[in-house]
Amino acid sequence: MKIIPQILFKQYLEPGEEVLDICHRHIFIMMGSFLRMLFFGFLIPLLLWYLFPDVTIFVVPWMLISFARLTYIILTWYYDSLLITNVSLNKTFWNGFFSRSSARLEYPMIEGLSYNITGFRKTIFNYGLVTIERAGGAASIQFPDAVNPKKVERLVLHYQDKFVSDQNLKDSKSLQNLLVTMLRHHSKTQGTAQKQK
């Protein structure tokens, strides 16, 4: 179990649910906003402060606002992810400090997975769209710009297989316990019936 993701994604998890893996969007997606924020939010104010030390009263608030914006960009990238847990997949959406949502898909409800990498940049940097099909023809869950979509597909299939085999093991143990209980009950009732004769 991963401790830090377990804490950071706690609001998206059910009791007893554990984060096994996290799939993020490619960092290349946020790089443009990140670099613009570094340039306009930090480099230019520092240059102005160096050239004109009297503008400190403007530079400090400018950099504080830029730091808040930079934090927002990083958190948006981190929280827009696909959580692979011990019981389900959870696509999380983070639209700001006061707006978040998620779409959950239980492993037995997964009908199929596919990925799509189109375009020169996506092929070179290996990111693309992962589509998870729901059973029964319901709307699929799409995870755009996923890092290494083929690996994401393999991870989901691996954890789905593990969940199904664990569930089958639990079911067989439950069935075994039920049969043992029935046999004991039968032997007790048949034994008393034999003694009465």
C-alpha atoms as a PDB file:
ATOM      1  CA  MET A   1       0.000   0.000   0.000  1.00  0.00           C
ATOM      2  CA  LYS A   2       1.277   3.455  -0.896  1.00  0.00           C
ATOM      3  CA  ILE A   3       0.955   5.744   2.127  1.00  0.00           C
ATOM      4  CA  ILE A   4       1.146   9.236   0.550  1.00  0.00           C
ATOM      5  CA  PRO A   5      -1.386   8.575  -2.263  1.00  0.00           C
ATOM      6  CA  GLN A   6      -3.624   6.880   0.324  1.00  0.00           C
ATOM      7  CA  ILE A   7      -3.664  10.153   2.284  1.00  0.00           C
ATOM      8  CA  LEU A   8      -3.863  12.547  -0.683  1.00  0.00           C
ATOM      9  CA  PHE A   9      -6.689  10.647  -2.424  1.00  0.00           C
ATOM     10  CA  LYS A  10      -8.568   9.759   0.774  1.00  0.00           C
ATOM     11  CA  GLN A  11     -11.674  11.749  -0.244  1.00  0.00           C
ATOM     12  CA  TYR A  12     -12.053   9.555  -3.358  1.00  0.00           C
ATOM     13  CA  LEU A  13     -11.750   6.192  -1.565  1.00  0.00           C
ATOM     14  CA  GLU A  14     -14.281   3.974   0.169  1.00  0.00           C
ATOM     15  CA  PRO A  15     -13.506   2.542   3.631  1.00  0.00           C
ATOM     16  CA  GLY A  16     -11.028  -0.329   3.295  1.00  0.00           C
ATOM     17  CA  GLU A  17     -10.058   0.639  -0.238  1.00  0.00           C
ATOM     18  CA  GLU A  18      -6.321   0.856  -0.966  1.00  0.00           C
ATOM     19  CA  VAL A  19      -4.509   2.693  -3.767  1.00  0.00           C
ATOM     20  CA  LEU A  20      -2.361   0.149  -5.642  1.00  0.00           C
ATOM     21  CA  ASP A  21      -1.204   2.381  -8.497  1.00  0.00           C
ATOM     22  CA  ILE A  22      -1.781   5.848  -9.949  1.00  0.00           C
ATOM     23  CA  CYS A  23      -1.751   6.724 -13.637  1.00  0.00           C
ATOM     24  CA  HIS A  24      -1.177  10.395 -14.443  1.00  0.00           C
ATOM     25  CA  ARG A  25      -1.516  12.474 -17.548  1.00  0.00           C
ATOM     26  CA  HIS A  26       1.783  13.140 -19.319  1.00  0.00           C
ATOM     27  CA  ILE A  27       3.711  15.989 -17.714  1.00  0.00           C
ATOM     28  CA  PHE A  28       4.205  17.399 -21.216  1.00  0.00           C
ATOM     29  CA  ILE A  29       0.537  18.506 -21.132  1.00  0.00           C
ATOM     30  CA  MET A  30       1.139  20.993 -18.296  1.00  0.00           C
ATOM     31  CA  MET A  31       4.646  22.021 -19.343  1.00  0.00           C
ATOM     32  CA  GLY A  32       3.492  25.058 -21.370  1.00  0.00           C
ATOM     33  CA  SER A  33       1.516  26.535 -18.471  1.00  0.00           C
ATOM     34  CA  PHE A  34       4.310  25.667 -16.048  1.00  0.00           C
ATOM     35  CA  LEU A  35       7.021  27.393 -18.121  1.00  0.00           C
ATOM     36  CA  ARG A  36       4.855  30.480 -18.764  1.00  0.00           C
ATOM     37  CA  MET A  37       4.196  30.765 -15.037  1.00  0.00           C
ATOM     38  CA  LEU A  38       7.909  30.465 -14.241  1.00  0.00           C
ATOM     39  CA  PHE A  39       8.784  33.139 -16.806  1.00  0.00           C
ATOM     40  CA  PHE A  40       6.010  35.670 -16.184  1.00  0.00           C
ATOM     41  CA  GLY A  41       5.437  34.869 -12.530  1.00  0.00           C
ATOM     42  CA  PHE A  42       8.993  34.621 -11.222  1.00  0.00           C
ATOM     43  CA  LEU A  43      11.704  35.539 -13.757  1.00  0.00           C
ATOM     44  CA  ILE A  44      10.223  38.895 -14.835  1.00  0.00           C
ATOM     45  CA  PRO A  45       9.436  40.080 -11.261  1.00  0.00           C
ATOM     46  CA  LEU A  46      12.927  39.115 -10.108  1.00  0.00           C
ATOM     47  CA  LEU A  47      14.451  40.953 -13.060  1.00  0.00           C
ATOM     48  CA  LEU A  48      12.323  44.041 -12.286  1.00  0.00           C
ATOM     49  CA  TRP A  49      13.328  43.861  -8.630  1.00  0.00           C
ATOM     50  CA  TYR A  50      17.008  43.580  -9.605  1.00  0.00           C
ATOM     51  CA  LEU A  51      16.811  46.562 -11.980  1.00  0.00           C
ATOM     52  CA  PHE A  52      14.470  48.664  -9.808  1.00  0.00           C
ATOM     53  CA  PRO A  53      14.785  47.709  -6.110  1.00  0.00           C
ATOM     54  CA  ASP A  54      12.077  50.236  -5.202  1.00  0.00           C
ATOM     55  CA  VAL A  55       9.346  48.069  -6.789  1.00  0.00           C
ATOM     56  CA  THR A  56       9.554  45.450  -4.010  1.00  0.00           C
ATOM     57  CA  ILE A  57       6.054  46.381  -2.878  1.00  0.00           C
ATOM     58  CA  PHE A  58       4.724  45.169  -6.241  1.00  0.00           C
ATOM     59  CA  VAL A  59       7.087  42.242  -6.770  1.00  0.00           C
ATOM     60  CA  VAL A  60       6.254  40.371  -3.535  1.00  0.00           C
ATOM     61  CA  PRO A  61       2.457  40.167  -4.115  1.00  0.00           C
ATOM     62  CA  TRP A  62       3.088  39.361  -7.795  1.00  0.00           C
ATOM     63  CA  MET A  63       5.303  36.398  -6.818  1.00  0.00           C
ATOM     64  CA  LEU A  64       2.880  35.210  -4.119  1.00  0.00           C
ATOM     65  CA  ILE A  65       0.034  35.152  -6.628  1.00  0.00           C
ATOM     66  CA  SER A  66       2.305  33.365  -9.113  1.00  0.00           C
ATOM     67  CA  PHE A  67       3.222  30.778  -6.482  1.00  0.00           C
ATOM     68  CA  ALA A  68      -0.471  30.121  -5.799  1.00  0.00           C
ATOM     69  CA  ARG A  69      -1.122  29.763  -9.544  1.00  0.00           C
ATOM     70  CA  LEU A  70       1.854  27.424  -9.951  1.00  0.00           C
ATOM     71  CA  THR A  71       0.579  25.283  -7.066  1.00  0.00           C
ATOM     72  CA  TYR A  72      -2.839  25.153  -8.743  1.00  0.00           C
ATOM     73  CA  ILE A  73      -1.270  23.945 -12.028  1.00  0.00           C
ATOM     74  CA  ILE A  74       0.718  21.200 -10.284  1.00  0.00           C
ATOM     75  CA  LEU A  75      -2.248  20.032  -8.182  1.00  0.00           C
ATOM     76  CA  THR A  76      -4.493  19.949 -11.264  1.00  0.00           C
ATOM     77  CA  TRP A  77      -1.975  17.687 -12.992  1.00  0.00           C
ATOM     78  CA  TYR A  78      -1.541  15.438  -9.935  1.00  0.00           C
ATOM     79  CA  TYR A  79      -5.215  15.017  -9.041  1.00  0.00           C
ATOM     80  CA  ASP A  80      -6.458  14.507 -12.628  1.00  0.00           C
ATOM     81  CA  SER A  81      -5.511  10.851 -12.589  1.00  0.00           C
ATOM     82  CA  LEU A  82      -6.675   7.268 -12.792  1.00  0.00           C
ATOM     83  CA  LEU A  83      -6.532   5.483  -9.430  1.00  0.00           C
ATOM     84  CA  ILE A  84      -6.129   1.723  -9.524  1.00  0.00           C
ATOM     85  CA  THR A  85      -7.349   0.364  -6.195  1.00  0.00           C
ATOM     86  CA  ASN A  86      -7.884  -3.081  -4.752  1.00  0.00           C
ATOM     87  CA  VAL A  87     -11.606  -3.038  -5.690  1.00  0.00           C
ATOM     88  CA  SER A  88     -12.086  -0.598  -8.586  1.00  0.00           C
ATOM     89  CA  LEU A  89     -10.798   2.004 -10.991  1.00  0.00           C
ATOM     90  CA  ASN A  90     -11.440   5.611 -10.059  1.00  0.00           C
ATOM     91  CA  LYS A  91     -11.013   8.453 -12.571  1.00  0.00           C
ATOM     92  CA  THR A  92     -10.531  11.614 -10.523  1.00  0.00           C
ATOM     93  CA  PHE A  93     -11.228  15.140 -11.747  1.00  0.00           C
ATOM     94  CA  TRP A  94      -9.805  18.179  -9.938  1.00  0.00           C
ATOM     95  CA  ASN A  95     -11.235  21.498 -11.097  1.00  0.00           C
ATOM     96  CA  GLY A  96      -9.935  23.620  -8.229  1.00  0.00           C
ATOM     97  CA  PHE A  97      -9.716  23.708  -4.470  1.00  0.00           C
ATOM     98  CA  PHE A  98     -13.510  23.644  -4.128  1.00  0.00           C
ATOM     99  CA  SER A  99     -14.508  21.503  -7.106  1.00  0.00           C
ATOM    100  CA  ARG A 100     -13.632  17.839  -7.485  1.00  0.00           C
ATOM    101  CA  SER A 101     -15.380  14.733  -8.715  1.00  0.00           C
ATOM    102  CA  SER A 102     -14.720  11.144  -9.666  1.00  0.00           C
ATOM    103  CA  ALA A 103     -16.046   8.301 -11.793  1.00  0.00           C
ATOM    104  CA  ARG A 104     -15.765   4.802 -10.283  1.00  0.00           C
ATOM    105  CA  LEU A 105     -15.813   1.516 -12.180  1.00  0.00           C
ATOM    106  CA  GLU A 106     -15.762  -1.800 -10.299  1.00  0.00           C
ATOM    107  CA  TYR A 107     -13.523  -4.527 -11.771  1.00  0.00           C
ATOM    108  CA  PRO A 108     -16.400  -6.940 -12.565  1.00  0.00           C
ATOM    109  CA  MET A 109     -18.050  -4.184 -14.629  1.00  0.00           C
ATOM    110  CA  ILE A 110     -15.039  -3.713 -16.948  1.00  0.00           C
ATOM    111  CA  GLU A 111     -15.847  -5.178 -20.339  1.00  0.00           C
ATOM    112  CA  GLY A 112     -12.748  -4.107 -22.246  1.00  0.00           C
ATOM    113  CA  LEU A 113      -9.826  -1.723 -22.511  1.00  0.00           C
ATOM    114  CA  SER A 114      -8.245   0.017 -25.443  1.00  0.00           C
ATOM    115  CA  TYR A 115      -5.704   2.739 -26.028  1.00  0.00           C
ATOM    116  CA  ASN A 116      -5.054   5.124 -28.860  1.00  0.00           C
ATOM    117  CA  ILE A 117      -1.889   7.091 -29.640  1.00  0.00           C
ATOM    118  CA  THR A 118      -2.301   9.480 -32.569  1.00  0.00           C
ATOM    119  CA  GLY A 119      -0.007  12.224 -33.780  1.00  0.00           C
ATOM    120  CA  PHE A 120       3.731  12.771 -33.990  1.00  0.00           C
ATOM    121  CA  ARG A 121       4.209  14.371 -30.564  1.00  0.00           C
ATOM    122  CA  LYS A 122       2.111  11.729 -28.761  1.00  0.00           C
ATOM    123  CA  THR A 123       3.999   8.922 -30.523  1.00  0.00           C
ATOM    124  CA  ILE A 124       7.412  10.389 -29.680  1.00  0.00           C
ATOM    125  CA  PHE A 125       6.571  11.092 -26.029  1.00  0.00           C
ATOM    126  CA  ASN A 126       4.402   7.937 -25.653  1.00  0.00           C
ATOM    127  CA  TYR A 127       1.111   9.263 -24.340  1.00  0.00           C
ATOM    128  CA  GLY A 128      -2.451   8.863 -25.502  1.00  0.00           C
ATOM    129  CA  LEU A 129      -6.078   8.060 -24.759  1.00  0.00           C
ATOM    130  CA  VAL A 130      -7.041   5.041 -22.632  1.00  0.00           C
ATOM    131  CA  THR A 131     -10.678   3.939 -22.940  1.00  0.00           C
ATOM    132  CA  ILE A 132     -12.255   1.604 -20.391  1.00  0.00           C
ATOM    133  CA  GLU A 133     -15.504   0.024 -21.601  1.00  0.00           C
ATOM    134  CA  ARG A 134     -18.320  -0.649 -19.124  1.00  0.00           C
ATOM    135  CA  ALA A 135     -20.381  -3.817 -19.264  1.00  0.00           C
ATOM    136  CA  GLY A 136     -23.925  -3.448 -20.544  1.00  0.00           C
ATOM    137  CA  GLY A 137     -23.168  -0.734 -23.080  1.00  0.00           C
ATOM    138  CA  ALA A 138     -22.995   2.104 -20.511  1.00  0.00           C
ATOM    139  CA  ALA A 139     -20.789   5.108 -21.219  1.00  0.00           C
ATOM    140  CA  SER A 140     -17.086   4.327 -21.130  1.00  0.00           C
ATOM    141  CA  ILE A 141     -14.484   6.052 -18.977  1.00  0.00           C
ATOM    142  CA  GLN A 142     -11.817   7.856 -20.941  1.00  0.00           C
ATOM    143  CA  PHE A 143      -8.436   8.895 -19.586  1.00  0.00           C
ATOM    144  CA  PRO A 144      -6.804  11.327 -22.047  1.00  0.00           C
ATOM    145  CA  ASP A 145      -3.061  11.986 -22.364  1.00  0.00           C
ATOM    146  CA  ALA A 146      -2.092   8.978 -20.197  1.00  0.00           C
ATOM    147  CA  VAL A 147       1.620   8.291 -19.823  1.00  0.00           C
ATOM    148  CA  ASN A 148       2.505   5.011 -21.557  1.00  0.00           C
ATOM    149  CA  PRO A 149      -1.078   3.892 -22.365  1.00  0.00           C
ATOM    150  CA  LYS A 150      -0.005   0.312 -23.112  1.00  0.00           C
ATOM    151  CA  LYS A 151       1.419   0.012 -19.569  1.00  0.00           C
ATOM    152  CA  VAL A 152      -1.801   1.478 -18.133  1.00  0.00           C
ATOM    153  CA  GLU A 153      -3.802  -1.157 -20.023  1.00  0.00           C
ATOM    154  CA  ARG A 154      -1.558  -3.972 -18.720  1.00  0.00           C
ATOM    155  CA  LEU A 155      -1.754  -2.638 -15.134  1.00  0.00           C
ATOM    156  CA  VAL A 156      -5.554  -2.479 -15.181  1.00  0.00           C
ATOM    157  CA  LEU A 157      -5.820  -5.992 -16.636  1.00  0.00           C
ATOM    158  CA  HIS A 158      -3.327  -7.328 -14.071  1.00  0.00           C
ATOM    159  CA  TYR A 159      -5.202  -5.865 -11.098  1.00  0.00           C
ATOM    160  CA  GLN A 160      -8.552  -6.943 -12.555  1.00  0.00           C
ATOM    161  CA  ASP A 161      -7.283 -10.536 -12.862  1.00  0.00           C
ATOM    162  CA  LYS A 162      -5.916 -10.387  -9.314  1.00  0.00           C
ATOM    163  CA  PHE A 163      -9.268  -9.096  -8.010  1.00  0.00           C
ATOM    164  CA  VAL A 164     -11.217 -11.821  -9.841  1.00  0.00           C
ATOM    165  CA  SER A 165      -8.915 -14.622  -8.610  1.00  0.00           C
ATOM    166  CA  ASP A 166      -9.057 -13.284  -5.016  1.00  0.00           C
ATOM    167  CA  GLN A 167     -12.852 -13.078  -5.286  1.00  0.00           C
ATOM    168  CA  ASN A 168     -13.028 -16.649  -6.616  1.00  0.00           C
ATOM    169  CA  LEU A 169     -10.847 -17.835  -3.723  1.00  0.00           C
ATOM    170  CA  LYS A 170     -13.107 -16.076  -1.203  1.00  0.00           C
ATOM    171  CA  ASP A 171     -16.196 -17.541  -2.879  1.00  0.00           C
ATOM    172  CA  SER A 172     -14.749 -21.068  -2.839  1.00  0.00           C
ATOM    173  CA  LYS A 173     -13.837 -20.748   0.868  1.00  0.00           C
ATOM    174  CA  SER A 174     -17.353 -19.486   1.623  1.00  0.00           C
ATOM    175  CA  LEU A 175     -18.840 -22.392  -0.322  1.00  0.00           C
ATOM    176  CA  GLN A 176     -16.549 -24.837   1.482  1.00  0.00           C
ATOM    177  CA  ASN A 177     -17.605 -23.429   4.883  1.00  0.00           C
ATOM    178  CA  LEU A 178     -21.270 -23.639   3.862  1.00  0.00           C
ATOM    179  CA  LEU A 179     -20.900 -27.296   2.811  1.00  0.00           C
ATOM    180  CA  VAL A 180     -19.097 -28.180   6.053  1.00  0.00           C
ATOM    181  CA  THR A 181     -21.866 -26.514   8.072  1.00  0.00           C
ATOM    182  CA  MET A 182     -24.551 -28.346   6.083  1.00  0.00           C
ATOM    183  CA  LEU A 183     -22.796 -31.706   6.537  1.00  0.00           C
ATOM    184  CA  ARG A 184     -22.452 -31.158  10.288  1.00  0.00           C
ATOM    185  CA  HIS A 185     -26.083 -30.172  10.536  1.00  0.00           C
ATOM    186  CA  HIS A 186     -27.117 -33.185   8.452  1.00  0.00           C
ATOM    187  CA  SER A 187     -25.037 -35.586  10.543  1.00  0.00           C
ATOM    188  CA  LYS A 188     -26.480 -34.154  13.765  1.00  0.00           C
ATOM    189  CA  THR A 189     -30.080 -34.404  12.568  1.00  0.00           C
ATOM    190  CA  GLN A 190     -29.623 -37.814  10.932  1.00  0.00           C
ATOM    191  CA  GLY A 191     -27.714 -39.076  13.958  1.00  0.00           C
ATOM    192  CA  THR A 192     -30.544 -38.173  16.339  1.00  0.00           C
ATOM    193  CA  ALA A 193     -33.069 -39.702  13.936  1.00  0.00           C
ATOM    194  CA  GLN A 194     -31.089 -42.983  13.888  1.00  0.00           C
ATOM    195  CA  LYS A 195     -30.893 -43.045  17.717  1.00  0.00           C
ATOM    196  CA  GLN A 196     -34.676 -42.537  18.052  1.00  0.00           C
ATOM    197  CA  LYS A 197     -35.337 -45.622  15.931  1.00  0.00           C
END
